[in-house]
Amino acid sequence: MLKNIRYASIGLALIASSLLARAENLYQAEQFRALVADKRAYRVGDNLTVLVYENASATATAGTSSDKSVGVNYSVVANNTNKQGALSAGDEAQGKGRIQRTGRLLAQLTVTVKTIEPSGLLAVSGEQVIAVNDETQEIKLEGKVRPSDIGENNTVISTRLSDAKISYIGEGILGDRQRPGIITRILNWLGLI
């Protein structure tokens, strides 16, 4: 009988505690990713590594040539004297110019998916700041990427981004040395250089 009372009290305690206990669902559909799922970015907040490989080259050549001449001849005959004269003037100008610019940027940058457009494009953006020996380099990137362009290792090359905006800014001693001096900038602003 004592055994039955003990079992009954344990049973009542379990029933009473189960009435007080509440549980929430651990499954959240928006956070679910299967263990065998692809690790590519496909939703807002996912990270994606962009391999920045940009080459830019531009050349502009201009040439002008101008040639102008004016001539006047006269002849006067009076009293058996023959006077002749000639006057001529000329102007010639020639100009040439060439501008050549080349740039190359190689970097790896992890960006975050900010929004998903109705067309399925992932709008991504991110920045990276590197500081070494009083030099600060900042890389900013934003653009749109098709999910099909993302590789199996969750990377995409920068040439696959549409509406890409990539900026690379360096500040510090080296950047200051490359900046023209104040006199050069004033003369340039005045159009004298």
N, C-alpha and C. Protein backbone atom coordinates (compact mmCIF):
# COMPACT_ATOMS: atom_id res chain seq x y z
N MET A 1 0.80 -1.17 0.00
CA MET A 1 0.00 0.00 0.00
C MET A 1 0.86 1.26 0.00
N LEU A 2 1.92 1.22 0.77
CA LEU A 2 2.84 2.34 0.79
C LEU A 2 3.46 2.58 -0.59
N LYS A 3 3.67 1.49 -1.26
CA LYS A 3 4.21 1.61 -2.61
C LYS A 3 3.23 2.32 -3.52
N ASN A 4 1.97 1.98 -3.41
CA ASN A 4 0.96 2.60 -4.27
C ASN A 4 0.82 4.09 -3.99
N ILE A 5 0.91 4.45 -2.69
CA ILE A 5 0.81 5.86 -2.34
C ILE A 5 2.02 6.62 -2.90
N ARG A 6 3.19 6.01 -2.82
CA ARG A 6 4.40 6.64 -3.35
C ARG A 6 4.28 6.85 -4.85
N TYR A 7 3.84 5.82 -5.57
CA TYR A 7 3.68 5.94 -7.03
C TYR A 7 2.63 6.97 -7.39
N ALA A 8 1.55 7.02 -6.63
CA ALA A 8 0.48 7.98 -6.89
C ALA A 8 0.97 9.40 -6.66
N SER A 9 1.75 9.63 -5.58
CA SER A 9 2.26 10.98 -5.31
C SER A 9 3.28 11.40 -6.36
N ILE A 10 4.09 10.50 -6.83
CA ILE A 10 5.05 10.83 -7.90
C ILE A 10 4.29 11.15 -9.18
N GLY A 11 3.27 10.39 -9.46
CA GLY A 11 2.44 10.64 -10.65
C GLY A 11 1.76 11.99 -10.58
N LEU A 12 1.20 12.33 -9.41
CA LEU A 12 0.56 13.64 -9.24
C LEU A 12 1.57 14.78 -9.37
N ALA A 13 2.76 14.58 -8.82
CA ALA A 13 3.81 15.62 -8.92
C ALA A 13 4.21 15.83 -10.38
N LEU A 14 4.32 14.77 -11.15
CA LEU A 14 4.67 14.90 -12.57
C LEU A 14 3.57 15.59 -13.34
N ILE A 15 2.32 15.25 -13.06
CA ILE A 15 1.20 15.89 -13.75
C ILE A 15 1.13 17.37 -13.39
N ALA A 16 1.33 17.69 -12.11
CA ALA A 16 1.28 19.09 -11.67
C ALA A 16 2.42 19.90 -12.30
N SER A 17 3.60 19.32 -12.36
CA SER A 17 4.74 20.06 -12.95
C SER A 17 4.57 20.21 -14.45
N SER A 18 3.95 19.26 -15.10
CA SER A 18 3.75 19.38 -16.55
C SER A 18 2.72 20.45 -16.88
N LEU A 19 1.78 20.69 -15.98
CA LEU A 19 0.81 21.76 -16.19
C LEU A 19 1.48 23.13 -16.09
N LEU A 20 2.48 23.26 -15.24
CA LEU A 20 3.18 24.52 -15.05
C LEU A 20 4.23 24.77 -16.15
N ALA A 21 4.75 23.73 -16.71
CA ALA A 21 5.83 23.88 -17.71
C ALA A 21 5.24 24.28 -19.05
N ARG A 22 5.92 25.23 -19.70
CA ARG A 22 5.54 25.66 -21.05
C ARG A 22 6.76 25.53 -21.94
N ALA A 23 6.53 25.25 -23.16
CA ALA A 23 7.65 25.14 -24.10
C ALA A 23 7.34 25.96 -25.34
N GLU A 24 8.39 26.53 -25.91
CA GLU A 24 8.25 27.24 -27.18
C GLU A 24 8.86 26.38 -28.26
N ASN A 25 8.40 26.59 -29.45
CA ASN A 25 8.91 25.84 -30.58
C ASN A 25 10.35 26.28 -30.87
N LEU A 26 11.26 25.35 -30.91
CA LEU A 26 12.66 25.67 -31.22
C LEU A 26 12.87 25.88 -32.71
N TYR A 27 11.96 25.44 -33.52
CA TYR A 27 12.08 25.58 -34.97
C TYR A 27 11.63 26.97 -35.39
N GLN A 28 12.49 27.67 -36.10
CA GLN A 28 12.14 28.97 -36.67
C GLN A 28 12.39 28.88 -38.16
N ALA A 29 11.33 28.98 -38.91
CA ALA A 29 11.41 28.76 -40.36
C ALA A 29 12.37 29.73 -41.04
N GLU A 30 12.40 30.99 -40.59
CA GLU A 30 13.26 31.97 -41.27
C GLU A 30 14.75 31.74 -40.97
N GLN A 31 15.06 30.99 -39.92
CA GLN A 31 16.45 30.72 -39.56
C GLN A 31 16.90 29.32 -39.95
N PHE A 32 15.99 28.50 -40.45
CA PHE A 32 16.31 27.11 -40.72
C PHE A 32 17.23 26.97 -41.92
N ARG A 33 18.25 26.16 -41.76
CA ARG A 33 19.12 25.77 -42.86
C ARG A 33 19.50 24.31 -42.62
N ALA A 34 19.19 23.46 -43.56
CA ALA A 34 19.44 22.04 -43.40
C ALA A 34 20.94 21.77 -43.28
N LEU A 35 21.29 20.68 -42.61
CA LEU A 35 22.70 20.34 -42.44
C LEU A 35 23.39 20.07 -43.76
N VAL A 36 22.66 19.59 -44.74
CA VAL A 36 23.25 19.28 -46.04
C VAL A 36 22.98 20.39 -47.05
N ALA A 37 22.51 21.52 -46.58
CA ALA A 37 22.18 22.63 -47.49
C ALA A 37 23.45 23.27 -48.02
N ASP A 38 23.30 23.93 -49.14
CA ASP A 38 24.38 24.69 -49.75
C ASP A 38 24.73 25.86 -48.84
N LYS A 39 26.00 26.17 -48.71
CA LYS A 39 26.44 27.24 -47.81
C LYS A 39 26.53 28.60 -48.50
N ARG A 40 25.96 28.73 -49.68
CA ARG A 40 25.99 30.00 -50.40
C ARG A 40 25.02 30.99 -49.78
N ALA A 41 25.37 32.27 -49.93
CA ALA A 41 24.49 33.33 -49.43
C ALA A 41 23.22 33.37 -50.26
N TYR A 42 22.08 33.43 -49.57
CA TYR A 42 20.83 33.52 -50.32
C TYR A 42 19.74 34.28 -49.57
N ARG A 43 20.04 34.81 -48.41
CA ARG A 43 19.03 35.56 -47.68
C ARG A 43 19.67 36.77 -47.01
N VAL A 44 18.84 37.70 -46.58
CA VAL A 44 19.31 38.93 -45.95
C VAL A 44 20.10 38.59 -44.69
N GLY A 45 21.26 39.22 -44.57
CA GLY A 45 22.12 38.98 -43.41
C GLY A 45 23.24 37.99 -43.67
N ASP A 46 23.14 37.20 -44.75
CA ASP A 46 24.21 36.25 -45.07
C ASP A 46 25.45 36.99 -45.55
N ASN A 47 26.61 36.40 -45.30
CA ASN A 47 27.87 36.96 -45.77
C ASN A 47 28.29 36.31 -47.06
N LEU A 48 29.03 37.06 -47.86
CA LEU A 48 29.51 36.62 -49.16
C LEU A 48 30.87 37.25 -49.38
N THR A 49 31.83 36.48 -49.87
CA THR A 49 33.17 37.01 -50.13
C THR A 49 33.27 37.41 -51.59
N VAL A 50 33.66 38.67 -51.81
CA VAL A 50 33.83 39.19 -53.16
C VAL A 50 35.33 39.25 -53.45
N LEU A 51 35.73 38.64 -54.55
CA LEU A 51 37.12 38.69 -55.01
C LEU A 51 37.22 39.87 -55.96
N VAL A 52 37.80 40.96 -55.48
CA VAL A 52 37.90 42.18 -56.27
C VAL A 52 39.10 42.05 -57.19
N TYR A 53 38.83 42.03 -58.48
CA TYR A 53 39.87 41.96 -59.50
C TYR A 53 39.47 42.93 -60.59
N GLU A 54 39.95 44.14 -60.48
CA GLU A 54 39.57 45.20 -61.41
C GLU A 54 40.81 45.74 -62.12
N ASN A 55 40.73 45.83 -63.42
CA ASN A 55 41.75 46.46 -64.25
C ASN A 55 41.07 47.56 -65.05
N ALA A 56 41.67 48.72 -65.05
CA ALA A 56 41.13 49.83 -65.83
C ALA A 56 42.27 50.48 -66.59
N SER A 57 42.02 50.79 -67.84
CA SER A 57 43.03 51.43 -68.67
C SER A 57 42.33 52.40 -69.60
N ALA A 58 42.89 53.58 -69.72
CA ALA A 58 42.30 54.58 -70.61
C ALA A 58 43.42 55.35 -71.29
N THR A 59 43.24 55.62 -72.57
CA THR A 59 44.19 56.41 -73.33
C THR A 59 43.42 57.40 -74.18
N ALA A 60 43.85 58.63 -74.16
CA ALA A 60 43.24 59.67 -74.99
C ALA A 60 44.36 60.38 -75.74
N THR A 61 44.21 60.51 -77.04
CA THR A 61 45.20 61.19 -77.86
C THR A 61 44.49 62.25 -78.68
N ALA A 62 45.09 63.42 -78.75
CA ALA A 62 44.51 64.50 -79.54
C ALA A 62 45.63 65.20 -80.29
N GLY A 63 45.32 65.63 -81.49
CA GLY A 63 46.29 66.38 -82.29
C GLY A 63 45.58 67.44 -83.10
N THR A 64 46.19 68.60 -83.22
CA THR A 64 45.62 69.68 -84.02
C THR A 64 46.72 70.26 -84.89
N SER A 65 46.30 70.77 -86.01
CA SER A 65 47.23 71.42 -86.93
C SER A 65 46.48 72.56 -87.60
N SER A 66 47.13 73.69 -87.70
CA SER A 66 46.50 74.86 -88.30
C SER A 66 47.55 75.58 -89.14
N ASP A 67 47.16 75.98 -90.33
CA ASP A 67 48.08 76.69 -91.23
C ASP A 67 47.28 77.79 -91.91
N LYS A 68 47.76 79.00 -91.80
CA LYS A 68 47.07 80.12 -92.41
C LYS A 68 48.12 81.06 -93.00
N SER A 69 47.85 81.56 -94.21
CA SER A 69 48.78 82.53 -94.81
C SER A 69 47.99 83.57 -95.59
N VAL A 70 48.53 84.78 -95.62
CA VAL A 70 47.92 85.90 -96.32
C VAL A 70 49.03 86.57 -97.14
N GLY A 71 48.74 86.90 -98.35
CA GLY A 71 49.75 87.57 -99.20
C GLY A 71 49.16 88.73 -99.96
N VAL A 72 49.94 89.78 -100.13
CA VAL A 72 49.53 90.96 -100.89
C VAL A 72 50.68 91.32 -101.82
N ASN A 73 50.39 91.47 -103.08
CA ASN A 73 51.39 91.93 -104.07
C ASN A 73 50.88 93.24 -104.68
N TYR A 74 51.80 94.15 -104.99
CA TYR A 74 51.40 95.38 -105.68
C TYR A 74 52.48 95.74 -106.69
N SER A 75 52.04 96.45 -107.66
CA SER A 75 52.95 96.93 -108.70
C SER A 75 52.46 98.30 -109.16
N VAL A 76 53.36 99.25 -109.21
CA VAL A 76 53.02 100.61 -109.62
C VAL A 76 54.00 101.02 -110.73
N VAL A 77 53.46 101.52 -111.82
CA VAL A 77 54.29 102.04 -112.91
C VAL A 77 53.95 103.52 -113.07
N ALA A 78 54.91 104.38 -112.85
CA ALA A 78 54.68 105.82 -113.00
C ALA A 78 55.99 106.49 -113.42
N ASN A 79 55.92 107.37 -114.40
CA ASN A 79 57.08 108.12 -114.90
C ASN A 79 58.27 107.22 -115.15
N ASN A 80 58.10 106.22 -115.84
CA ASN A 80 59.13 105.27 -116.21
C ASN A 80 59.82 104.62 -115.00
N THR A 81 59.21 104.67 -113.91
CA THR A 81 59.75 103.94 -112.75
C THR A 81 58.79 102.80 -112.41
N ASN A 82 59.36 101.77 -112.22
CA ASN A 82 58.58 100.57 -111.91
C ASN A 82 58.82 100.23 -110.44
N LYS A 83 57.81 100.33 -109.64
CA LYS A 83 57.93 100.00 -108.21
C LYS A 83 57.12 98.73 -107.96
N GLN A 84 57.73 97.83 -107.36
CA GLN A 84 57.05 96.58 -107.02
C GLN A 84 57.29 96.26 -105.54
N GLY A 85 56.37 95.62 -104.98
CA GLY A 85 56.52 95.22 -103.58
C GLY A 85 55.65 94.01 -103.27
N ALA A 86 55.97 93.42 -102.23
CA ALA A 86 55.19 92.25 -101.81
C ALA A 86 55.15 92.21 -100.28
N LEU A 87 54.05 91.77 -99.80
CA LEU A 87 53.88 91.62 -98.35
C LEU A 87 53.17 90.29 -98.12
N SER A 88 53.70 89.53 -97.24
CA SER A 88 53.05 88.26 -96.93
C SER A 88 53.18 87.99 -95.43
N ALA A 89 52.21 87.31 -94.93
CA ALA A 89 52.22 86.93 -93.52
C ALA A 89 51.68 85.51 -93.41
N GLY A 90 52.16 84.82 -92.46
CA GLY A 90 51.72 83.44 -92.28
C GLY A 90 51.68 83.07 -90.81
N ASP A 91 50.91 82.08 -90.53
CA ASP A 91 50.79 81.59 -89.16
C ASP A 91 50.63 80.08 -89.23
N GLU A 92 51.37 79.40 -88.42
CA GLU A 92 51.28 77.94 -88.40
C GLU A 92 51.32 77.50 -86.94
N ALA A 93 50.42 76.62 -86.60
CA ALA A 93 50.37 76.11 -85.23
C ALA A 93 50.12 74.61 -85.26
N GLN A 94 50.71 73.95 -84.30
CA GLN A 94 50.56 72.51 -84.23
C GLN A 94 50.56 72.11 -82.75
N GLY A 95 49.70 71.23 -82.41
CA GLY A 95 49.64 70.79 -81.02
C GLY A 95 49.31 69.31 -80.93
N LYS A 96 49.87 68.67 -79.93
CA LYS A 96 49.61 67.25 -79.70
C LYS A 96 49.48 67.02 -78.21
N GLY A 97 48.68 66.05 -77.85
CA GLY A 97 48.53 65.70 -76.45
C GLY A 97 48.16 64.24 -76.29
N ARG A 98 48.56 63.67 -75.16
CA ARG A 98 48.24 62.27 -74.90
C ARG A 98 48.12 62.07 -73.39
N ILE A 99 47.08 61.40 -73.02
CA ILE A 99 46.86 61.06 -71.61
C ILE A 99 46.70 59.55 -71.53
N GLN A 100 47.44 58.95 -70.63
CA GLN A 100 47.34 57.50 -70.44
C GLN A 100 47.23 57.23 -68.95
N ARG A 101 46.25 56.41 -68.58
CA ARG A 101 46.02 56.11 -67.17
C ARG A 101 45.71 54.62 -67.04
N THR A 102 46.34 53.99 -66.06
CA THR A 102 46.12 52.57 -65.82
C THR A 102 45.93 52.36 -64.32
N GLY A 103 44.99 51.52 -63.96
CA GLY A 103 44.76 51.21 -62.55
C GLY A 103 44.45 49.74 -62.37
N ARG A 104 44.86 49.20 -61.22
CA ARG A 104 44.61 47.79 -60.94
C ARG A 104 44.33 47.65 -59.45
N LEU A 105 43.31 46.88 -59.11
CA LEU A 105 42.93 46.68 -57.72
C LEU A 105 42.65 45.20 -57.50
N LEU A 106 43.36 44.61 -56.55
CA LEU A 106 43.17 43.21 -56.16
C LEU A 106 42.88 43.18 -54.67
N ALA A 107 41.78 42.55 -54.28
CA ALA A 107 41.43 42.46 -52.86
C ALA A 107 40.38 41.38 -52.66
N GLN A 108 40.22 40.96 -51.42
CA GLN A 108 39.13 40.08 -51.02
C GLN A 108 38.36 40.81 -49.94
N LEU A 109 37.06 40.84 -50.07
CA LEU A 109 36.23 41.61 -49.15
C LEU A 109 34.96 40.83 -48.87
N THR A 110 34.64 40.65 -47.60
CA THR A 110 33.40 39.98 -47.24
C THR A 110 32.31 41.03 -47.07
N VAL A 111 31.21 40.83 -47.77
CA VAL A 111 30.09 41.76 -47.75
C VAL A 111 28.86 41.06 -47.18
N THR A 112 27.84 41.83 -46.91
CA THR A 112 26.60 41.31 -46.33
C THR A 112 25.45 41.54 -47.29
N VAL A 113 24.57 40.55 -47.40
CA VAL A 113 23.37 40.71 -48.22
C VAL A 113 22.43 41.66 -47.48
N LYS A 114 22.12 42.80 -48.10
CA LYS A 114 21.27 43.81 -47.46
C LYS A 114 19.80 43.62 -47.81
N THR A 115 19.52 43.39 -49.09
CA THR A 115 18.13 43.17 -49.52
C THR A 115 18.13 42.16 -50.65
N ILE A 116 16.95 41.61 -50.90
CA ILE A 116 16.75 40.73 -52.04
C ILE A 116 15.71 41.38 -52.92
N GLU A 117 16.07 41.66 -54.15
CA GLU A 117 15.16 42.34 -55.07
C GLU A 117 14.13 41.35 -55.62
N PRO A 118 13.00 41.85 -56.12
CA PRO A 118 11.97 40.96 -56.68
C PRO A 118 12.50 40.08 -57.80
N SER A 119 13.52 40.55 -58.52
CA SER A 119 14.09 39.75 -59.61
C SER A 119 14.99 38.64 -59.09
N GLY A 120 15.27 38.63 -57.78
CA GLY A 120 16.11 37.60 -57.20
C GLY A 120 17.55 38.05 -56.98
N LEU A 121 17.90 39.23 -57.47
CA LEU A 121 19.26 39.73 -57.26
C LEU A 121 19.48 40.05 -55.79
N LEU A 122 20.69 39.75 -55.32
CA LEU A 122 21.06 40.05 -53.95
C LEU A 122 21.80 41.38 -53.92
N ALA A 123 21.29 42.36 -53.20
CA ALA A 123 21.98 43.64 -53.05
C ALA A 123 22.94 43.50 -51.88
N VAL A 124 24.24 43.67 -52.16
CA VAL A 124 25.27 43.47 -51.14
C VAL A 124 26.06 44.75 -50.93
N SER A 125 26.61 44.89 -49.74
CA SER A 125 27.53 45.99 -49.47
C SER A 125 28.39 45.63 -48.28
N GLY A 126 29.56 46.28 -48.24
CA GLY A 126 30.48 46.05 -47.13
C GLY A 126 31.68 46.94 -47.26
N GLU A 127 32.45 47.01 -46.21
CA GLU A 127 33.67 47.80 -46.23
C GLU A 127 34.72 47.14 -45.36
N GLN A 128 35.96 47.49 -45.63
CA GLN A 128 37.09 46.93 -44.90
C GLN A 128 38.09 48.06 -44.68
N VAL A 129 38.56 48.21 -43.46
CA VAL A 129 39.55 49.23 -43.13
C VAL A 129 40.80 48.52 -42.63
N ILE A 130 41.93 48.87 -43.23
CA ILE A 130 43.21 48.28 -42.85
C ILE A 130 44.13 49.41 -42.42
N ALA A 131 44.70 49.32 -41.23
CA ALA A 131 45.62 50.35 -40.73
C ALA A 131 46.96 49.70 -40.44
N VAL A 132 48.01 50.20 -41.12
CA VAL A 132 49.36 49.70 -40.92
C VAL A 132 50.31 50.89 -40.93
N ASN A 133 51.09 51.06 -39.86
CA ASN A 133 52.14 52.09 -39.80
C ASN A 133 51.64 53.47 -40.22
N ASP A 134 50.64 53.98 -39.56
CA ASP A 134 50.09 55.31 -39.84
C ASP A 134 49.50 55.44 -41.24
N GLU A 135 49.26 54.35 -41.90
CA GLU A 135 48.58 54.35 -43.20
C GLU A 135 47.24 53.66 -43.01
N THR A 136 46.19 54.28 -43.50
CA THR A 136 44.86 53.69 -43.43
C THR A 136 44.34 53.49 -44.84
N GLN A 137 43.93 52.27 -45.13
CA GLN A 137 43.36 51.96 -46.44
C GLN A 137 41.94 51.46 -46.22
N GLU A 138 41.02 52.02 -46.98
CA GLU A 138 39.62 51.67 -46.83
C GLU A 138 39.07 51.22 -48.18
N ILE A 139 38.44 50.05 -48.18
CA ILE A 139 37.81 49.53 -49.39
C ILE A 139 36.31 49.46 -49.11
N LYS A 140 35.52 50.07 -49.97
CA LYS A 140 34.06 50.00 -49.87
C LYS A 140 33.53 49.38 -51.15
N LEU A 141 32.52 48.54 -51.00
CA LEU A 141 31.96 47.85 -52.16
C LEU A 141 30.46 47.73 -51.98
N GLU A 142 29.74 47.98 -53.04
CA GLU A 142 28.31 47.68 -53.06
C GLU A 142 27.92 47.33 -54.49
N GLY A 143 26.91 46.50 -54.61
CA GLY A 143 26.45 46.09 -55.93
C GLY A 143 25.38 45.03 -55.80
N LYS A 144 25.05 44.43 -56.94
CA LYS A 144 24.02 43.40 -56.99
C LYS A 144 24.62 42.16 -57.64
N VAL A 145 24.27 41.01 -57.11
CA VAL A 145 24.82 39.76 -57.62
C VAL A 145 23.70 38.75 -57.82
N ARG A 146 23.83 37.98 -58.91
CA ARG A 146 22.88 36.88 -59.15
C ARG A 146 23.29 35.70 -58.29
N PRO A 147 22.35 35.03 -57.67
CA PRO A 147 22.70 33.85 -56.87
C PRO A 147 23.44 32.78 -57.68
N SER A 148 23.15 32.68 -58.97
CA SER A 148 23.82 31.67 -59.80
C SER A 148 25.29 32.00 -60.02
N ASP A 149 25.71 33.26 -59.80
CA ASP A 149 27.12 33.63 -59.96
C ASP A 149 27.96 33.35 -58.72
N ILE A 150 27.31 32.98 -57.64
CA ILE A 150 28.03 32.69 -56.39
C ILE A 150 28.59 31.28 -56.48
N GLY A 151 29.90 31.14 -56.27
CA GLY A 151 30.56 29.84 -56.35
C GLY A 151 30.23 28.97 -55.15
N GLU A 152 30.59 27.70 -55.25
CA GLU A 152 30.26 26.76 -54.18
C GLU A 152 30.99 27.07 -52.88
N ASN A 153 32.08 27.85 -52.96
CA ASN A 153 32.79 28.25 -51.74
C ASN A 153 32.32 29.63 -51.25
N ASN A 154 31.14 30.05 -51.70
CA ASN A 154 30.48 31.30 -51.29
C ASN A 154 31.31 32.53 -51.68
N THR A 155 31.88 32.52 -52.86
CA THR A 155 32.63 33.66 -53.37
C THR A 155 32.08 34.06 -54.74
N VAL A 156 32.30 35.32 -55.08
CA VAL A 156 31.93 35.82 -56.40
C VAL A 156 33.00 36.81 -56.81
N ILE A 157 33.34 36.83 -58.09
CA ILE A 157 34.33 37.77 -58.60
C ILE A 157 33.65 39.11 -58.88
N SER A 158 34.36 40.19 -58.65
CA SER A 158 33.75 41.53 -58.72
C SER A 158 33.23 41.87 -60.11
N THR A 159 33.77 41.26 -61.14
CA THR A 159 33.28 41.56 -62.49
C THR A 159 31.89 40.99 -62.73
N ARG A 160 31.40 40.16 -61.82
CA ARG A 160 30.05 39.60 -61.92
C ARG A 160 29.01 40.45 -61.21
N LEU A 161 29.42 41.50 -60.51
CA LEU A 161 28.47 42.38 -59.82
C LEU A 161 27.91 43.40 -60.79
N SER A 162 26.60 43.59 -60.74
CA SER A 162 26.01 44.67 -61.53
C SER A 162 25.87 45.90 -60.63
N ASP A 163 25.85 47.05 -61.26
CA ASP A 163 25.78 48.33 -60.53
C ASP A 163 26.85 48.40 -59.44
N ALA A 164 28.03 47.87 -59.75
CA ALA A 164 29.10 47.82 -58.75
C ALA A 164 29.68 49.21 -58.50
N LYS A 165 29.87 49.51 -57.24
CA LYS A 165 30.56 50.73 -56.82
C LYS A 165 31.68 50.29 -55.89
N ILE A 166 32.90 50.42 -56.37
CA ILE A 166 34.07 50.00 -55.60
C ILE A 166 34.94 51.23 -55.38
N SER A 167 35.25 51.52 -54.13
CA SER A 167 36.15 52.65 -53.87
C SER A 167 37.29 52.18 -52.98
N TYR A 168 38.45 52.71 -53.28
CA TYR A 168 39.67 52.39 -52.53
C TYR A 168 40.32 53.71 -52.16
N ILE A 169 40.37 53.99 -50.87
CA ILE A 169 40.89 55.26 -50.39
C ILE A 169 42.05 54.98 -49.44
N GLY A 170 43.17 55.63 -49.69
CA GLY A 170 44.33 55.49 -48.82
C GLY A 170 44.69 56.83 -48.20
N GLU A 171 44.91 56.83 -46.91
CA GLU A 171 45.29 58.05 -46.21
C GLU A 171 46.50 57.76 -45.34
N GLY A 172 47.35 58.77 -45.20
CA GLY A 172 48.54 58.62 -44.37
C GLY A 172 49.72 59.30 -45.03
N ILE A 173 50.90 58.90 -44.63
CA ILE A 173 52.13 59.53 -45.12
C ILE A 173 52.27 59.37 -46.63
N LEU A 174 52.07 58.17 -47.13
CA LEU A 174 52.22 57.93 -48.57
C LEU A 174 51.17 58.70 -49.36
N GLY A 175 49.93 58.70 -48.88
CA GLY A 175 48.87 59.45 -49.56
C GLY A 175 49.14 60.94 -49.55
N ASP A 176 49.68 61.44 -48.44
CA ASP A 176 50.01 62.87 -48.35
C ASP A 176 51.12 63.24 -49.32
N ARG A 177 52.06 62.35 -49.53
CA ARG A 177 53.18 62.62 -50.45
C ARG A 177 52.70 62.67 -51.90
N GLN A 178 51.65 61.91 -52.21
CA GLN A 178 51.15 61.89 -53.58
C GLN A 178 50.24 63.07 -53.88
N ARG A 179 49.78 63.76 -52.87
CA ARG A 179 48.89 64.90 -53.06
C ARG A 179 49.72 66.12 -53.43
N PRO A 180 49.30 66.87 -54.46
CA PRO A 180 50.05 68.06 -54.84
C PRO A 180 50.08 69.09 -53.72
N GLY A 181 51.13 69.92 -53.72
CA GLY A 181 51.27 70.96 -52.71
C GLY A 181 50.23 72.06 -52.89
N ILE A 182 50.17 72.95 -51.91
CA ILE A 182 49.15 74.00 -51.90
C ILE A 182 49.32 74.96 -53.07
N ILE A 183 50.55 75.30 -53.43
CA ILE A 183 50.78 76.23 -54.54
C ILE A 183 50.35 75.60 -55.86
N THR A 184 50.68 74.34 -56.04
CA THR A 184 50.28 73.63 -57.26
C THR A 184 48.76 73.55 -57.36
N ARG A 185 48.09 73.30 -56.24
CA ARG A 185 46.63 73.21 -56.26
C ARG A 185 46.00 74.56 -56.57
N ILE A 186 46.58 75.65 -56.03
CA ILE A 186 46.04 76.99 -56.31
C ILE A 186 46.23 77.34 -57.78
N LEU A 187 47.43 77.08 -58.32
CA LEU A 187 47.67 77.36 -59.73
C LEU A 187 46.76 76.52 -60.63
N ASN A 188 46.52 75.29 -60.23
CA ASN A 188 45.62 74.42 -60.99
C ASN A 188 44.19 74.94 -60.91
N TRP A 189 43.77 75.41 -59.74
CA TRP A 189 42.43 75.95 -59.56
C TRP A 189 42.23 77.21 -60.40
N LEU A 190 43.29 78.02 -60.51
CA LEU A 190 43.23 79.23 -61.32
C LEU A 190 43.32 78.93 -62.82
N GLY A 191 43.65 77.69 -63.15
CA GLY A 191 43.75 77.30 -64.56
C GLY A 191 45.08 77.67 -65.18
N LEU A 192 46.08 77.92 -64.36
CA LEU A 192 47.40 78.30 -64.88
C LEU A 192 48.28 77.09 -65.15
N ILE A 193 47.88 75.96 -64.68
CA ILE A 193 48.64 74.74 -64.96
C ILE A 193 47.75 73.78 -65.72
